[in-house]
Amino acid sequence: MRPIGKASFVEPMLLLRTDHLPDDSARWQYQLKLDGYRGIAFKDDGKVSLRSRNNKDFSGRYREIARVLSDLPNETVVDGEIVALDPEGKPSFNLLQNYGGSPSSPVFFYVFDLLMLSGKSTLEEPLYQRQEQLERVLPKLQEPIRYLPGLDGSLADLTRAVREQGLEGLVAKRRDSVYEPGARSGAWRKMRINQGQELVIVSGS
């Protein structure tokens, strides 16, 4: 019988800041740039942990997110971003920093990568395969867990749309990239398009 790996904290892969993203949608996937707290969530031996990028405990602060993540398969690790939304559906880093006050703004966990599934590490699998598996797992989870998909369209069209809508920026990830814990290799890149703007998040998973 195949030994099952134990899920634990994985240092998140980092994005390289750039002023120009690669213009090649066949090799690169584009996503919206989120403004929140990076979060690594894992379920080990039936218990869920939600950790910051520096391995600080987030489970107690974002209890509803941790509660819903309990529906993850056992021995599974996911990567995402914790985002607070204002009444207009825009993210607010200030609201996120002050989460827990009264009244409290809704907070969501936008998941975008799968690092382990049911005890099997996926770190060495290409991004598109990890995402395919993630898309099969996440529909079983309810809000406030949401999936962050890739965007369809050319880089020029997406950049224009982000600029016109006042969104923050774009992220580009090489479709065949493996997950490199703690690395800023350039396989993932981020570009700010509108300075000082907040990002509109479309509701739904």
C-alpha atoms as a PDB file:
ATOM      1  CA  MET A   1       0.000   0.000   0.000  1.00  0.00           C
ATOM      2  CA  ARG A   2       1.406   3.409  -1.003  1.00  0.00           C
ATOM      3  CA  PRO A   3       2.520   5.465   2.035  1.00  0.00           C
ATOM      4  CA  ILE A   4       0.516   8.657   2.462  1.00  0.00           C
ATOM      5  CA  GLY A   5       2.460  11.870   2.952  1.00  0.00           C
ATOM      6  CA  LYS A   6       1.586  14.202   5.802  1.00  0.00           C
ATOM      7  CA  ALA A   7       0.310  17.659   4.931  1.00  0.00           C
ATOM      8  CA  SER A   8       2.197  20.575   6.482  1.00  0.00           C
ATOM      9  CA  PHE A   9       3.112  24.216   5.879  1.00  0.00           C
ATOM     10  CA  VAL A  10       4.847  24.913   2.556  1.00  0.00           C
ATOM     11  CA  GLU A  11       6.721  28.172   2.081  1.00  0.00           C
ATOM     12  CA  PRO A  12       4.840  29.976  -0.715  1.00  0.00           C
ATOM     13  CA  MET A  13       6.323  30.517  -4.152  1.00  0.00           C
ATOM     14  CA  LEU A  14       6.966  34.216  -4.758  1.00  0.00           C
ATOM     15  CA  LEU A  15       6.244  36.541  -7.681  1.00  0.00           C
ATOM     16  CA  LEU A  16       8.845  38.634  -9.446  1.00  0.00           C
ATOM     17  CA  ARG A  17       7.807  42.279  -9.824  1.00  0.00           C
ATOM     18  CA  THR A  18       8.115  43.591 -13.379  1.00  0.00           C
ATOM     19  CA  ASP A  19       6.961  46.465 -15.568  1.00  0.00           C
ATOM     20  CA  HIS A  20       6.339  44.191 -18.567  1.00  0.00           C
ATOM     21  CA  LEU A  21       4.693  40.763 -18.464  1.00  0.00           C
ATOM     22  CA  PRO A  22       5.509  38.120 -21.112  1.00  0.00           C
ATOM     23  CA  ASP A  23       3.207  38.537 -24.121  1.00  0.00           C
ATOM     24  CA  ASP A  24       2.620  34.864 -24.873  1.00  0.00           C
ATOM     25  CA  SER A  25      -0.741  33.468 -23.761  1.00  0.00           C
ATOM     26  CA  ALA A  26       0.143  30.023 -25.119  1.00  0.00           C
ATOM     27  CA  ARG A  27       2.949  29.629 -22.563  1.00  0.00           C
ATOM     28  CA  TRP A  28       1.755  32.006 -19.840  1.00  0.00           C
ATOM     29  CA  GLN A  29      -1.482  32.211 -17.862  1.00  0.00           C
ATOM     30  CA  TYR A  30      -2.764  35.584 -16.676  1.00  0.00           C
ATOM     31  CA  GLN A  31      -4.661  36.228 -13.439  1.00  0.00           C
ATOM     32  CA  LEU A  32      -5.886  39.289 -11.590  1.00  0.00           C
ATOM     33  CA  LYS A  33      -3.466  40.632  -8.994  1.00  0.00           C
ATOM     34  CA  LEU A  34      -5.065  40.433  -5.558  1.00  0.00           C
ATOM     35  CA  ASP A  35      -4.421  42.754  -2.614  1.00  0.00           C
ATOM     36  CA  GLY A  36      -4.638  40.740   0.585  1.00  0.00           C
ATOM     37  CA  TYR A  37      -2.768  38.299   2.805  1.00  0.00           C
ATOM     38  CA  ARG A  38      -1.139  35.235   1.260  1.00  0.00           C
ATOM     39  CA  GLY A  39      -2.418  32.088   2.915  1.00  0.00           C
ATOM     40  CA  ILE A  40      -1.303  28.450   2.950  1.00  0.00           C
ATOM     41  CA  ALA A  41      -3.987  26.052   4.173  1.00  0.00           C
ATOM     42  CA  PHE A  42      -3.526  22.378   4.927  1.00  0.00           C
ATOM     43  CA  LYS A  43      -5.528  19.537   6.430  1.00  0.00           C
ATOM     44  CA  ASP A  44      -3.510  16.970   8.358  1.00  0.00           C
ATOM     45  CA  ASP A  45      -5.029  14.072  10.256  1.00  0.00           C
ATOM     46  CA  GLY A  46      -8.442  15.724   9.980  1.00  0.00           C
ATOM     47  CA  LYS A  47      -7.319  19.081  11.405  1.00  0.00           C
ATOM     48  CA  VAL A  48      -7.187  22.273   9.313  1.00  0.00           C
ATOM     49  CA  SER A  49      -4.486  24.927   9.660  1.00  0.00           C
ATOM     50  CA  LEU A  50      -4.508  28.300   7.897  1.00  0.00           C
ATOM     51  CA  ARG A  51      -1.084  29.959   7.958  1.00  0.00           C
ATOM     52  CA  SER A  52       0.410  33.237   6.749  1.00  0.00           C
ATOM     53  CA  ARG A  53       3.287  33.349   4.252  1.00  0.00           C
ATOM     54  CA  ASN A  54       5.599  33.560   7.300  1.00  0.00           C
ATOM     55  CA  ASN A  55       3.922  30.556   8.941  1.00  0.00           C
ATOM     56  CA  LYS A  56       1.917  32.596  11.467  1.00  0.00           C
ATOM     57  CA  ASP A  57      -1.447  31.176  12.558  1.00  0.00           C
ATOM     58  CA  PHE A  58      -4.466  32.595  10.698  1.00  0.00           C
ATOM     59  CA  SER A  59      -6.942  29.891  11.756  1.00  0.00           C
ATOM     60  CA  GLY A  60      -8.173  31.742  14.818  1.00  0.00           C
ATOM     61  CA  ARG A  61      -8.488  35.107  13.087  1.00  0.00           C
ATOM     62  CA  TYR A  62     -10.366  33.774  10.044  1.00  0.00           C
ATOM     63  CA  ARG A  63     -12.441  31.085  11.697  1.00  0.00           C
ATOM     64  CA  GLU A  64     -15.101  30.814   8.984  1.00  0.00           C
ATOM     65  CA  ILE A  65     -12.478  30.249   6.294  1.00  0.00           C
ATOM     66  CA  ALA A  66     -10.835  27.551   8.416  1.00  0.00           C
ATOM     67  CA  ARG A  67     -14.213  25.955   9.143  1.00  0.00           C
ATOM     68  CA  VAL A  68     -15.121  25.590   5.471  1.00  0.00           C
ATOM     69  CA  LEU A  69     -11.621  24.358   4.618  1.00  0.00           C
ATOM     70  CA  SER A  70     -12.356  21.382   6.869  1.00  0.00           C
ATOM     71  CA  ASP A  71     -14.134  19.911   3.833  1.00  0.00           C
ATOM     72  CA  LEU A  72     -10.802  19.572   2.013  1.00  0.00           C
ATOM     73  CA  PRO A  73      -9.608  15.996   1.461  1.00  0.00           C
ATOM     74  CA  ASN A  74      -7.363  14.832   4.267  1.00  0.00           C
ATOM     75  CA  GLU A  75      -3.605  15.438   3.803  1.00  0.00           C
ATOM     76  CA  THR A  76      -4.137  18.275   1.301  1.00  0.00           C
ATOM     77  CA  VAL A  77      -2.350  21.654   0.945  1.00  0.00           C
ATOM     78  CA  VAL A  78      -3.590  24.697  -1.010  1.00  0.00           C
ATOM     79  CA  ASP A  79      -2.217  28.183  -1.709  1.00  0.00           C
ATOM     80  CA  GLY A  80      -4.303  31.341  -1.990  1.00  0.00           C
ATOM     81  CA  GLU A  81      -5.020  34.915  -0.909  1.00  0.00           C
ATOM     82  CA  ILE A  82      -7.233  36.194   1.909  1.00  0.00           C
ATOM     83  CA  VAL A  83      -9.141  39.270   0.704  1.00  0.00           C
ATOM     84  CA  ALA A  84     -11.617  41.602   2.454  1.00  0.00           C
ATOM     85  CA  LEU A  85     -14.346  43.156   0.306  1.00  0.00           C
ATOM     86  CA  ASP A  86     -16.050  46.483   0.911  1.00  0.00           C
ATOM     87  CA  PRO A  87     -19.806  47.044   0.272  1.00  0.00           C
ATOM     88  CA  GLU A  88     -19.057  47.653  -3.434  1.00  0.00           C
ATOM     89  CA  GLY A  89     -17.255  44.350  -3.793  1.00  0.00           C
ATOM     90  CA  LYS A  90     -13.820  45.919  -3.923  1.00  0.00           C
ATOM     91  CA  PRO A  91     -10.931  44.628  -1.838  1.00  0.00           C
ATOM     92  CA  SER A  92      -9.766  46.848   0.964  1.00  0.00           C
ATOM     93  CA  PHE A  93      -6.459  46.139   2.647  1.00  0.00           C
ATOM     94  CA  ASN A  94      -7.453  48.511   5.448  1.00  0.00           C
ATOM     95  CA  LEU A  95     -10.607  46.483   6.131  1.00  0.00           C
ATOM     96  CA  LEU A  96      -8.559  43.297   6.071  1.00  0.00           C
ATOM     97  CA  GLN A  97      -6.116  44.689   8.620  1.00  0.00           C
ATOM     98  CA  ASN A  98      -9.025  45.665  10.873  1.00  0.00           C
ATOM     99  CA  TYR A  99     -11.061  42.500  10.309  1.00  0.00           C
ATOM    100  CA  GLY A 100     -13.019  41.458  13.355  1.00  0.00           C
ATOM    101  CA  GLY A 101     -14.364  44.880  14.222  1.00  0.00           C
ATOM    102  CA  SER A 102     -18.025  45.828  14.178  1.00  0.00           C
ATOM    103  CA  PRO A 103     -19.482  45.789  11.599  1.00  0.00           C
ATOM    104  CA  SER A 104     -17.138  43.298   9.983  1.00  0.00           C
ATOM    105  CA  SER A 105     -16.550  43.202   6.226  1.00  0.00           C
ATOM    106  CA  PRO A 106     -16.792  39.899   4.351  1.00  0.00           C
ATOM    107  CA  VAL A 107     -13.501  38.083   3.911  1.00  0.00           C
ATOM    108  CA  PHE A 108     -12.840  35.425   1.260  1.00  0.00           C
ATOM    109  CA  PHE A 109     -10.053  32.960   0.558  1.00  0.00           C
ATOM    110  CA  TYR A 110      -9.221  32.926  -3.168  1.00  0.00           C
ATOM    111  CA  VAL A 111      -7.428  29.626  -3.823  1.00  0.00           C
ATOM    112  CA  PHE A 112      -5.165  29.403  -6.867  1.00  0.00           C
ATOM    113  CA  ASP A 113      -2.826  26.431  -6.393  1.00  0.00           C
ATOM    114  CA  LEU A 114      -2.705  22.872  -5.108  1.00  0.00           C
ATOM    115  CA  LEU A 115       0.489  21.666  -3.413  1.00  0.00           C
ATOM    116  CA  MET A 116      -0.620  18.286  -2.061  1.00  0.00           C
ATOM    117  CA  LEU A 117      -3.735  16.204  -2.643  1.00  0.00           C
ATOM    118  CA  SER A 118      -4.721  13.289  -0.411  1.00  0.00           C
ATOM    119  CA  GLY A 119      -1.139  12.717   0.677  1.00  0.00           C
ATOM    120  CA  LYS A 120       0.431  13.002  -2.799  1.00  0.00           C
ATOM    121  CA  SER A 121       2.730  15.984  -3.411  1.00  0.00           C
ATOM    122  CA  THR A 122       1.939  17.937  -6.588  1.00  0.00           C
ATOM    123  CA  LEU A 123       4.889  20.347  -6.324  1.00  0.00           C
ATOM    124  CA  GLU A 124       6.688  18.819  -9.306  1.00  0.00           C
ATOM    125  CA  GLU A 125       3.615  18.738 -11.529  1.00  0.00           C
ATOM    126  CA  PRO A 126       3.125  21.583 -14.043  1.00  0.00           C
ATOM    127  CA  LEU A 127       0.824  24.432 -13.072  1.00  0.00           C
ATOM    128  CA  TYR A 128      -1.931  23.496 -15.512  1.00  0.00           C
ATOM    129  CA  GLN A 129      -2.155  19.976 -14.065  1.00  0.00           C
ATOM    130  CA  ARG A 130      -2.258  21.277 -10.492  1.00  0.00           C
ATOM    131  CA  GLN A 131      -5.076  23.627 -11.470  1.00  0.00           C
ATOM    132  CA  GLU A 132      -7.044  20.861 -13.174  1.00  0.00           C
ATOM    133  CA  GLN A 133      -6.957  18.858  -9.937  1.00  0.00           C
ATOM    134  CA  LEU A 134      -7.797  21.950  -7.880  1.00  0.00           C
ATOM    135  CA  GLU A 135     -10.879  22.632 -10.012  1.00  0.00           C
ATOM    136  CA  ARG A 136     -12.170  19.155  -9.138  1.00  0.00           C
ATOM    137  CA  VAL A 137     -11.624  19.696  -5.404  1.00  0.00           C
ATOM    138  CA  LEU A 138     -12.907  23.234  -4.799  1.00  0.00           C
ATOM    139  CA  PRO A 139     -16.530  22.857  -5.978  1.00  0.00           C
ATOM    140  CA  LYS A 140     -17.056  20.754  -2.853  1.00  0.00           C
ATOM    141  CA  LEU A 141     -16.246  23.796  -0.704  1.00  0.00           C
ATOM    142  CA  GLN A 142     -18.691  26.611  -0.027  1.00  0.00           C
ATOM    143  CA  GLU A 143     -18.052  30.323   0.454  1.00  0.00           C
ATOM    144  CA  PRO A 144     -15.992  32.048   1.706  1.00  0.00           C
ATOM    145  CA  ILE A 145     -13.696  29.764  -0.353  1.00  0.00           C
ATOM    146  CA  ARG A 146     -13.402  30.808  -4.003  1.00  0.00           C
ATOM    147  CA  TYR A 147     -11.295  29.654  -6.947  1.00  0.00           C
ATOM    148  CA  LEU A 148      -9.148  32.237  -8.746  1.00  0.00           C
ATOM    149  CA  PRO A 149      -9.204  31.250 -12.435  1.00  0.00           C
ATOM    150  CA  GLY A 150      -6.971  32.229 -15.301  1.00  0.00           C
ATOM    151  CA  LEU A 151      -8.144  35.020 -17.601  1.00  0.00           C
ATOM    152  CA  ASP A 152      -8.985  34.543 -21.268  1.00  0.00           C
ATOM    153  CA  GLY A 153      -7.632  37.039 -23.778  1.00  0.00           C
ATOM    154  CA  SER A 154      -4.413  38.575 -25.004  1.00  0.00           C
ATOM    155  CA  LEU A 155      -2.104  40.471 -22.678  1.00  0.00           C
ATOM    156  CA  ALA A 156      -2.908  43.726 -24.515  1.00  0.00           C
ATOM    157  CA  ASP A 157      -6.666  43.242 -24.116  1.00  0.00           C
ATOM    158  CA  LEU A 158      -6.376  42.237 -20.464  1.00  0.00           C
ATOM    159  CA  THR A 159      -4.082  45.149 -19.653  1.00  0.00           C
ATOM    160  CA  ARG A 160      -6.506  47.555 -21.315  1.00  0.00           C
ATOM    161  CA  ALA A 161      -9.474  46.094 -19.421  1.00  0.00           C
ATOM    162  CA  VAL A 162      -7.660  46.245 -16.076  1.00  0.00           C
ATOM    163  CA  ARG A 163      -6.626  49.851 -16.697  1.00  0.00           C
ATOM    164  CA  GLU A 164     -10.112  50.956 -17.794  1.00  0.00           C
ATOM    165  CA  GLN A 165     -11.828  49.277 -14.854  1.00  0.00           C
ATOM    166  CA  GLY A 166      -9.378  50.693 -12.338  1.00  0.00           C
ATOM    167  CA  LEU A 167      -8.154  47.279 -11.196  1.00  0.00           C
ATOM    168  CA  GLU A 168      -4.782  46.857  -9.528  1.00  0.00           C
ATOM    169  CA  GLY A 169      -2.787  44.729 -11.916  1.00  0.00           C
ATOM    170  CA  LEU A 170      -2.053  41.356 -13.489  1.00  0.00           C
ATOM    171  CA  VAL A 171      -0.065  38.244 -12.666  1.00  0.00           C
ATOM    172  CA  ALA A 172       1.557  35.977 -15.265  1.00  0.00           C
ATOM    173  CA  LYS A 173       2.448  32.355 -14.492  1.00  0.00           C
ATOM    174  CA  ARG A 174       4.219  29.966 -16.845  1.00  0.00           C
ATOM    175  CA  ARG A 175       1.754  27.189 -17.587  1.00  0.00           C
ATOM    176  CA  ASP A 176       4.380  24.449 -17.250  1.00  0.00           C
ATOM    177  CA  SER A 177       5.964  25.851 -14.056  1.00  0.00           C
ATOM    178  CA  VAL A 178       6.531  23.577 -11.087  1.00  0.00           C
ATOM    179  CA  TYR A 179       5.891  24.967  -7.599  1.00  0.00           C
ATOM    180  CA  GLU A 180       9.127  26.319  -6.106  1.00  0.00           C
ATOM    181  CA  PRO A 181       8.660  26.913  -2.343  1.00  0.00           C
ATOM    182  CA  GLY A 182      10.177  30.220  -1.222  1.00  0.00           C
ATOM    183  CA  ALA A 183      11.662  30.953  -4.654  1.00  0.00           C
ATOM    184  CA  ARG A 184      11.276  34.057  -6.816  1.00  0.00           C
ATOM    185  CA  SER A 185      12.484  32.407 -10.007  1.00  0.00           C
ATOM    186  CA  GLY A 186      10.559  34.505 -12.515  1.00  0.00           C
ATOM    187  CA  ALA A 187       8.219  31.674 -13.492  1.00  0.00           C
ATOM    188  CA  TRP A 188       5.556  33.749 -11.694  1.00  0.00           C
ATOM    189  CA  ARG A 189       5.505  37.512 -12.303  1.00  0.00           C
ATOM    190  CA  LYS A 190       3.352  40.461 -11.234  1.00  0.00           C
ATOM    191  CA  MET A 191       2.729  43.869 -12.764  1.00  0.00           C
ATOM    192  CA  ARG A 192       0.924  46.818 -11.207  1.00  0.00           C
ATOM    193  CA  ILE A 193      -1.158  48.709 -13.761  1.00  0.00           C
ATOM    194  CA  ASN A 194      -3.102  51.266 -11.711  1.00  0.00           C
ATOM    195  CA  GLN A 195      -1.305  52.861  -8.774  1.00  0.00           C
ATOM    196  CA  GLY A 196      -3.307  53.206  -5.595  1.00  0.00           C
ATOM    197  CA  GLN A 197      -6.400  51.514  -6.995  1.00  0.00           C
ATOM    198  CA  GLU A 198      -8.377  48.701  -5.436  1.00  0.00           C
ATOM    199  CA  LEU A 199      -9.356  45.524  -7.222  1.00  0.00           C
ATOM    200  CA  VAL A 200     -12.938  44.529  -8.073  1.00  0.00           C
ATOM    201  CA  ILE A 201     -13.554  40.853  -7.471  1.00  0.00           C
ATOM    202  CA  VAL A 202     -16.350  39.079  -9.347  1.00  0.00           C
ATOM    203  CA  SER A 203     -18.331  37.008  -6.886  1.00  0.00           C
ATOM    204  CA  GLY A 204     -18.599  33.278  -7.331  1.00  0.00           C
ATOM    205  CA  SER A 205     -16.077  30.441  -7.445  1.00  0.00           C
END
